[in-house]
């Protein structure tokens, strides 16, 4: 249960930290709505990273919580950890790279890892049903 709680907390922290970064950037750029249509723009990258995290973190957290209540196998615990790391990797790939217009290894690894881990967690939950 401890592994799931830490992973869920870290996913929540990611969403709130990205949201705060968006708000602070909006304040410094005096932009209260939307974001520029420029994939190199910092606000654009932060908004997209936040939105993407908000799409995946809740379902990952829910899967982790329900699986944790069912005394999961060790591989499931490791999958929770990897899923969390991949979400951070994806966010870093969106924010740290010069542009979102081109693929980059961090973003690719984060997305692929999220898909693999998410499918594995969903499958693990189906098996326990």
N, C-alpha and C. Protein backbone atom coordinates (compact mmCIF):
# COMPACT_ATOMS: atom_id res chain seq x y z
N UNK A 1 0.83 -1.20 0.00
CA UNK A 1 0.00 0.00 0.00
C UNK A 1 0.86 1.25 0.00
N UNK A 2 1.99 1.20 0.71
CA UNK A 2 2.87 2.36 0.81
C UNK A 2 3.37 2.80 -0.57
N UNK A 3 3.74 1.84 -1.42
CA UNK A 3 4.23 2.16 -2.76
C UNK A 3 3.17 2.92 -3.54
N UNK A 4 1.96 2.42 -3.52
CA UNK A 4 0.86 3.07 -4.25
C UNK A 4 0.61 4.48 -3.72
N UNK A 5 0.61 4.64 -2.41
CA UNK A 5 0.35 5.96 -1.84
C UNK A 5 1.43 6.95 -2.24
N UNK A 6 2.69 6.53 -2.20
CA UNK A 6 3.78 7.42 -2.60
C UNK A 6 3.65 7.78 -4.08
N UNK A 7 3.36 6.79 -4.92
CA UNK A 7 3.22 7.06 -6.36
C UNK A 7 2.04 8.00 -6.64
N UNK A 8 0.92 7.76 -5.97
CA UNK A 8 -0.25 8.62 -6.15
C UNK A 8 0.07 10.04 -5.68
N UNK A 9 0.76 10.17 -4.56
CA UNK A 9 1.14 11.49 -4.06
C UNK A 9 2.06 12.20 -5.06
N UNK A 10 3.00 11.46 -5.62
CA UNK A 10 3.92 12.06 -6.60
C UNK A 10 3.20 12.47 -7.88
N UNK A 11 2.21 11.69 -8.30
CA UNK A 11 1.41 12.08 -9.47
C UNK A 11 0.60 13.35 -9.17
N UNK A 12 0.03 13.42 -7.97
CA UNK A 12 -0.68 14.64 -7.56
C UNK A 12 0.25 15.83 -7.51
N UNK A 13 1.43 15.63 -6.96
CA UNK A 13 2.42 16.70 -6.90
C UNK A 13 2.78 17.18 -8.30
N UNK A 14 2.92 16.26 -9.24
CA UNK A 14 3.24 16.64 -10.62
C UNK A 14 2.16 17.55 -11.20
N UNK A 15 0.91 17.16 -11.03
CA UNK A 15 -0.18 17.98 -11.57
C UNK A 15 -0.22 19.36 -10.93
N UNK A 16 -0.10 19.42 -9.61
CA UNK A 16 -0.16 20.71 -8.94
C UNK A 16 1.07 21.57 -9.20
N UNK A 17 2.24 20.96 -9.31
CA UNK A 17 3.46 21.72 -9.63
C UNK A 17 3.38 22.29 -11.04
N UNK A 18 2.88 21.50 -11.99
CA UNK A 18 2.72 22.01 -13.35
C UNK A 18 1.67 23.11 -13.39
N UNK A 19 0.58 22.93 -12.64
CA UNK A 19 -0.45 23.98 -12.58
C UNK A 19 0.09 25.27 -12.01
N UNK A 20 0.90 25.16 -10.95
CA UNK A 20 1.51 26.35 -10.37
C UNK A 20 2.46 27.01 -11.36
N UNK A 21 3.22 26.21 -12.08
CA UNK A 21 4.14 26.76 -13.08
C UNK A 21 3.37 27.49 -14.17
N UNK A 22 2.23 26.95 -14.58
CA UNK A 22 1.39 27.62 -15.57
C UNK A 22 0.91 28.97 -15.01
N UNK A 23 0.41 28.96 -13.77
CA UNK A 23 -0.09 30.19 -13.16
C UNK A 23 1.00 31.25 -13.02
N UNK A 24 2.17 30.84 -12.56
CA UNK A 24 3.27 31.79 -12.41
C UNK A 24 3.72 32.35 -13.76
N UNK A 25 3.74 31.49 -14.76
CA UNK A 25 4.12 31.95 -16.10
C UNK A 25 3.06 32.88 -16.66
N UNK A 26 1.80 32.58 -16.41
CA UNK A 26 0.73 33.50 -16.84
C UNK A 26 0.91 34.86 -16.19
N UNK A 27 1.25 34.87 -14.91
CA UNK A 27 1.45 36.12 -14.21
C UNK A 27 2.62 36.91 -14.77
N UNK A 28 3.72 36.24 -15.05
CA UNK A 28 4.90 36.94 -15.54
C UNK A 28 4.75 37.41 -16.99
N UNK A 29 3.89 36.72 -17.75
CA UNK A 29 3.68 37.13 -19.15
C UNK A 29 2.39 37.93 -19.33
N UNK A 30 1.68 38.14 -18.22
CA UNK A 30 0.40 38.87 -18.24
C UNK A 30 -0.57 38.27 -19.27
N UNK A 31 -0.65 36.95 -19.24
CA UNK A 31 -1.52 36.22 -20.15
C UNK A 31 -2.52 35.43 -19.31
N UNK A 32 -3.76 35.88 -19.26
CA UNK A 32 -4.73 35.27 -18.36
C UNK A 32 -5.56 34.16 -19.00
N UNK A 33 -5.47 34.00 -20.31
CA UNK A 33 -6.30 32.99 -20.96
C UNK A 33 -5.57 32.42 -22.16
N UNK A 34 -5.71 31.11 -22.35
CA UNK A 34 -5.11 30.47 -23.50
C UNK A 34 -3.60 30.48 -23.46
N UNK A 35 -2.99 30.19 -24.59
CA UNK A 35 -1.55 30.24 -24.70
C UNK A 35 -1.18 30.42 -26.17
N UNK A 36 -0.01 30.96 -26.44
CA UNK A 36 0.39 31.19 -27.84
C UNK A 36 0.46 29.88 -28.63
N UNK A 37 0.19 29.98 -29.91
CA UNK A 37 0.24 28.81 -30.78
C UNK A 37 1.66 28.59 -31.31
N UNK A 38 2.61 28.72 -30.40
CA UNK A 38 4.02 28.57 -30.74
C UNK A 38 4.60 27.46 -29.89
N UNK A 39 4.95 26.31 -30.50
CA UNK A 39 5.45 25.17 -29.72
C UNK A 39 6.78 25.43 -29.03
N UNK A 40 7.39 26.58 -29.26
CA UNK A 40 8.63 26.94 -28.56
C UNK A 40 8.34 27.79 -27.32
N UNK A 41 7.13 28.32 -27.23
CA UNK A 41 6.76 29.21 -26.14
C UNK A 41 6.66 28.46 -24.82
N UNK A 42 7.23 29.03 -23.76
CA UNK A 42 7.24 28.38 -22.45
C UNK A 42 5.83 28.13 -21.93
N UNK A 43 4.93 29.10 -22.06
CA UNK A 43 3.56 28.91 -21.58
C UNK A 43 2.87 27.80 -22.37
N UNK A 44 3.09 27.76 -23.66
CA UNK A 44 2.52 26.70 -24.49
C UNK A 44 2.97 25.33 -23.98
N UNK A 45 4.27 25.18 -23.76
CA UNK A 45 4.83 23.90 -23.31
C UNK A 45 4.29 23.53 -21.93
N UNK A 46 4.23 24.50 -21.02
CA UNK A 46 3.73 24.21 -19.67
C UNK A 46 2.25 23.82 -19.69
N UNK A 47 1.45 24.53 -20.47
CA UNK A 47 0.02 24.21 -20.54
C UNK A 47 -0.20 22.82 -21.11
N UNK A 48 0.54 22.47 -22.14
CA UNK A 48 0.41 21.14 -22.73
C UNK A 48 0.89 20.05 -21.77
N UNK A 49 1.99 20.31 -21.06
CA UNK A 49 2.50 19.33 -20.10
C UNK A 49 1.49 19.13 -18.97
N UNK A 50 0.90 20.23 -18.49
CA UNK A 50 -0.09 20.14 -17.42
C UNK A 50 -1.34 19.39 -17.90
N UNK A 51 -1.83 19.72 -19.08
CA UNK A 51 -3.02 19.06 -19.61
C UNK A 51 -2.77 17.57 -19.79
N UNK A 52 -1.61 17.22 -20.32
CA UNK A 52 -1.31 15.81 -20.54
C UNK A 52 -1.22 15.06 -19.22
N UNK A 53 -0.57 15.66 -18.24
CA UNK A 53 -0.48 15.02 -16.92
C UNK A 53 -1.87 14.84 -16.32
N UNK A 54 -2.72 15.84 -16.48
CA UNK A 54 -4.07 15.78 -15.93
C UNK A 54 -4.92 14.72 -16.63
N UNK A 55 -4.55 14.35 -17.85
CA UNK A 55 -5.29 13.30 -18.56
C UNK A 55 -4.94 11.90 -18.03
N UNK A 56 -3.68 11.69 -17.69
CA UNK A 56 -3.23 10.34 -17.35
C UNK A 56 -3.09 10.08 -15.85
N UNK A 57 -2.68 11.06 -15.08
CA UNK A 57 -2.42 10.84 -13.66
C UNK A 57 -3.66 10.35 -12.89
N UNK A 58 -4.84 10.88 -13.12
CA UNK A 58 -5.99 10.41 -12.32
C UNK A 58 -6.30 8.93 -12.51
N UNK A 59 -6.30 8.45 -13.74
CA UNK A 59 -6.63 7.04 -13.95
C UNK A 59 -5.50 6.15 -13.43
N UNK A 60 -4.25 6.60 -13.61
CA UNK A 60 -3.15 5.82 -13.05
C UNK A 60 -3.28 5.74 -11.53
N UNK A 61 -3.59 6.87 -10.90
CA UNK A 61 -3.76 6.89 -9.44
C UNK A 61 -4.89 5.98 -8.98
N UNK A 62 -5.98 5.99 -9.71
CA UNK A 62 -7.11 5.13 -9.36
C UNK A 62 -6.74 3.66 -9.50
N UNK A 63 -6.09 3.31 -10.60
CA UNK A 63 -5.64 1.93 -10.78
C UNK A 63 -4.70 1.51 -9.65
N UNK A 64 -3.77 2.40 -9.31
CA UNK A 64 -2.82 2.10 -8.25
C UNK A 64 -3.53 1.87 -6.91
N UNK A 65 -4.47 2.73 -6.61
CA UNK A 65 -5.19 2.62 -5.33
C UNK A 65 -5.97 1.31 -5.24
N UNK A 66 -6.73 1.00 -6.26
CA UNK A 66 -7.54 -0.21 -6.22
C UNK A 66 -6.65 -1.45 -6.18
N UNK A 67 -5.58 -1.45 -6.97
CA UNK A 67 -4.67 -2.59 -6.93
C UNK A 67 -4.00 -2.73 -5.57
N UNK A 68 -3.65 -1.62 -4.96
CA UNK A 68 -3.00 -1.67 -3.65
C UNK A 68 -3.91 -2.28 -2.60
N UNK A 69 -5.20 -2.10 -2.74
CA UNK A 69 -6.16 -2.68 -1.80
C UNK A 69 -6.28 -4.19 -1.95
N UNK A 70 -5.74 -4.74 -3.04
CA UNK A 70 -5.85 -6.17 -3.32
C UNK A 70 -4.54 -6.91 -3.13
N UNK A 71 -3.62 -6.36 -2.36
CA UNK A 71 -2.32 -6.98 -2.10
C UNK A 71 -1.64 -7.43 -3.40
N UNK A 72 -1.15 -6.47 -4.18
CA UNK A 72 -0.61 -6.78 -5.51
C UNK A 72 0.73 -7.51 -5.47
N UNK A 73 1.02 -8.16 -6.58
CA UNK A 73 2.30 -8.83 -6.75
C UNK A 73 3.41 -7.78 -6.83
N UNK A 74 4.63 -8.22 -6.62
CA UNK A 74 5.78 -7.30 -6.64
C UNK A 74 5.90 -6.61 -8.00
N UNK A 75 5.64 -7.32 -9.10
CA UNK A 75 5.77 -6.70 -10.42
C UNK A 75 4.77 -5.56 -10.59
N UNK A 76 3.62 -5.67 -9.94
CA UNK A 76 2.62 -4.59 -10.02
C UNK A 76 3.14 -3.36 -9.28
N UNK A 77 3.77 -3.56 -8.14
CA UNK A 77 4.35 -2.44 -7.39
C UNK A 77 5.43 -1.75 -8.22
N UNK A 78 6.27 -2.53 -8.88
CA UNK A 78 7.31 -1.95 -9.74
C UNK A 78 6.68 -1.21 -10.92
N UNK A 79 5.59 -1.73 -11.43
CA UNK A 79 4.90 -1.07 -12.54
C UNK A 79 4.34 0.28 -12.09
N UNK A 80 3.85 0.36 -10.87
CA UNK A 80 3.38 1.64 -10.32
C UNK A 80 4.53 2.65 -10.28
N UNK A 81 5.68 2.19 -9.81
CA UNK A 81 6.85 3.07 -9.72
C UNK A 81 7.27 3.55 -11.11
N UNK A 82 7.35 2.60 -12.05
CA UNK A 82 7.75 2.97 -13.41
C UNK A 82 6.74 3.91 -14.06
N UNK A 83 5.45 3.68 -13.83
CA UNK A 83 4.42 4.57 -14.40
C UNK A 83 4.63 6.00 -13.89
N UNK A 84 4.93 6.13 -12.63
CA UNK A 84 5.16 7.46 -12.04
C UNK A 84 6.40 8.10 -12.64
N UNK A 85 7.47 7.34 -12.75
CA UNK A 85 8.71 7.86 -13.35
C UNK A 85 8.45 8.28 -14.80
N UNK A 86 7.69 7.49 -15.54
CA UNK A 86 7.42 7.82 -16.94
C UNK A 86 6.58 9.09 -17.07
N UNK A 87 5.68 9.34 -16.13
CA UNK A 87 4.90 10.59 -16.20
C UNK A 87 5.82 11.79 -16.00
N UNK A 88 6.76 11.69 -15.08
CA UNK A 88 7.72 12.77 -14.86
C UNK A 88 8.64 12.92 -16.08
N UNK A 89 9.03 11.80 -16.66
CA UNK A 89 9.88 11.83 -17.85
C UNK A 89 9.16 12.55 -18.99
N UNK A 90 7.90 12.23 -19.17
CA UNK A 90 7.13 12.87 -20.23
C UNK A 90 7.02 14.38 -20.00
N UNK A 91 6.71 14.77 -18.79
CA UNK A 91 6.60 16.20 -18.48
C UNK A 91 7.93 16.91 -18.73
N UNK A 92 9.02 16.30 -18.32
CA UNK A 92 10.35 16.89 -18.56
C UNK A 92 10.61 17.03 -20.05
N UNK A 93 10.22 16.02 -20.82
CA UNK A 93 10.41 16.07 -22.26
C UNK A 93 9.60 17.17 -22.91
N UNK A 94 8.48 17.51 -22.34
CA UNK A 94 7.66 18.59 -22.90
C UNK A 94 8.19 19.96 -22.51
N UNK A 95 8.71 20.09 -21.31
CA UNK A 95 9.12 21.40 -20.80
C UNK A 95 10.56 21.74 -21.15
N UNK A 96 11.45 20.79 -21.04
CA UNK A 96 12.88 21.08 -21.16
C UNK A 96 13.40 21.15 -22.60
N UNK A 97 12.69 20.55 -23.52
CA UNK A 97 13.15 20.57 -24.90
C UNK A 97 12.83 21.93 -25.54
N UNK A 98 13.60 22.31 -26.55
CA UNK A 98 13.41 23.64 -27.15
C UNK A 98 12.04 23.85 -27.79
N UNK A 99 11.44 22.78 -28.32
CA UNK A 99 10.15 22.93 -28.99
C UNK A 99 9.34 21.64 -28.89
N UNK A 100 8.03 21.80 -28.97
CA UNK A 100 7.15 20.64 -29.02
C UNK A 100 6.85 20.24 -30.46
N UNK A 101 7.38 21.00 -31.41
CA UNK A 101 7.11 20.74 -32.82
C UNK A 101 7.81 19.48 -33.33
N UNK A 102 8.82 19.05 -32.64
CA UNK A 102 9.56 17.86 -33.04
C UNK A 102 9.55 16.83 -31.91
N UNK A 103 9.53 15.55 -32.27
CA UNK A 103 9.61 14.52 -31.24
C UNK A 103 10.96 14.60 -30.51
N UNK A 104 10.96 14.14 -29.28
CA UNK A 104 12.21 14.05 -28.54
C UNK A 104 12.20 12.78 -27.69
N UNK A 105 13.39 12.29 -27.34
CA UNK A 105 13.47 11.00 -26.65
C UNK A 105 12.78 10.95 -25.29
N UNK A 106 12.85 12.02 -24.52
CA UNK A 106 12.21 12.02 -23.20
C UNK A 106 10.69 11.90 -23.33
N UNK A 107 10.15 12.70 -24.21
CA UNK A 107 8.70 12.69 -24.42
C UNK A 107 8.24 11.33 -24.95
N UNK A 108 8.98 10.79 -25.90
CA UNK A 108 8.64 9.48 -26.46
C UNK A 108 8.70 8.40 -25.40
N UNK A 109 9.79 8.36 -24.65
CA UNK A 109 9.95 7.34 -23.61
C UNK A 109 8.86 7.48 -22.55
N UNK A 110 8.57 8.72 -22.16
CA UNK A 110 7.53 8.94 -21.16
C UNK A 110 6.16 8.49 -21.64
N UNK A 111 5.83 8.79 -22.89
CA UNK A 111 4.53 8.39 -23.44
C UNK A 111 4.44 6.87 -23.59
N UNK A 112 5.46 6.28 -24.20
CA UNK A 112 5.45 4.83 -24.39
C UNK A 112 5.40 4.09 -23.05
N UNK A 113 6.21 4.55 -22.10
CA UNK A 113 6.22 3.93 -20.78
C UNK A 113 4.88 4.06 -20.08
N UNK A 114 4.24 5.22 -20.23
CA UNK A 114 2.92 5.41 -19.64
C UNK A 114 1.91 4.44 -20.23
N UNK A 115 1.93 4.29 -21.56
CA UNK A 115 0.99 3.36 -22.20
C UNK A 115 1.22 1.92 -21.72
N UNK A 116 2.47 1.49 -21.73
CA UNK A 116 2.79 0.12 -21.33
C UNK A 116 2.40 -0.13 -19.87
N UNK A 117 2.79 0.79 -18.99
CA UNK A 117 2.47 0.62 -17.57
C UNK A 117 0.98 0.72 -17.31
N UNK A 118 0.32 1.66 -17.96
CA UNK A 118 -1.13 1.80 -17.77
C UNK A 118 -1.89 0.57 -18.22
N UNK A 119 -1.50 0.02 -19.37
CA UNK A 119 -2.14 -1.21 -19.85
C UNK A 119 -1.85 -2.36 -18.91
N UNK A 120 -0.62 -2.44 -18.41
CA UNK A 120 -0.27 -3.51 -17.47
C UNK A 120 -1.06 -3.40 -16.18
N UNK A 121 -1.21 -2.18 -15.66
CA UNK A 121 -1.98 -1.99 -14.42
C UNK A 121 -3.45 -2.32 -14.63
N UNK A 122 -4.01 -1.88 -15.77
CA UNK A 122 -5.40 -2.20 -16.07
C UNK A 122 -5.58 -3.71 -16.22
N UNK A 123 -4.63 -4.35 -16.88
CA UNK A 123 -4.68 -5.81 -17.02
C UNK A 123 -4.60 -6.51 -15.68
N UNK A 124 -3.71 -6.02 -14.82
CA UNK A 124 -3.59 -6.61 -13.49
C UNK A 124 -4.89 -6.49 -12.71
N UNK A 125 -5.56 -5.36 -12.87
CA UNK A 125 -6.84 -5.19 -12.18
C UNK A 125 -7.90 -6.12 -12.75
N UNK A 126 -7.90 -6.29 -14.06
CA UNK A 126 -8.86 -7.22 -14.66
C UNK A 126 -8.64 -8.64 -14.14
N UNK A 127 -7.40 -9.04 -13.99
CA UNK A 127 -7.09 -10.39 -13.53
C UNK A 127 -7.58 -10.60 -12.10
N UNK A 128 -7.57 -9.55 -11.30
CA UNK A 128 -8.01 -9.69 -9.91
C UNK A 128 -9.52 -9.62 -9.74
N UNK A 129 -10.22 -9.27 -10.81
CA UNK A 129 -11.68 -9.11 -10.72
C UNK A 129 -12.39 -10.45 -10.58
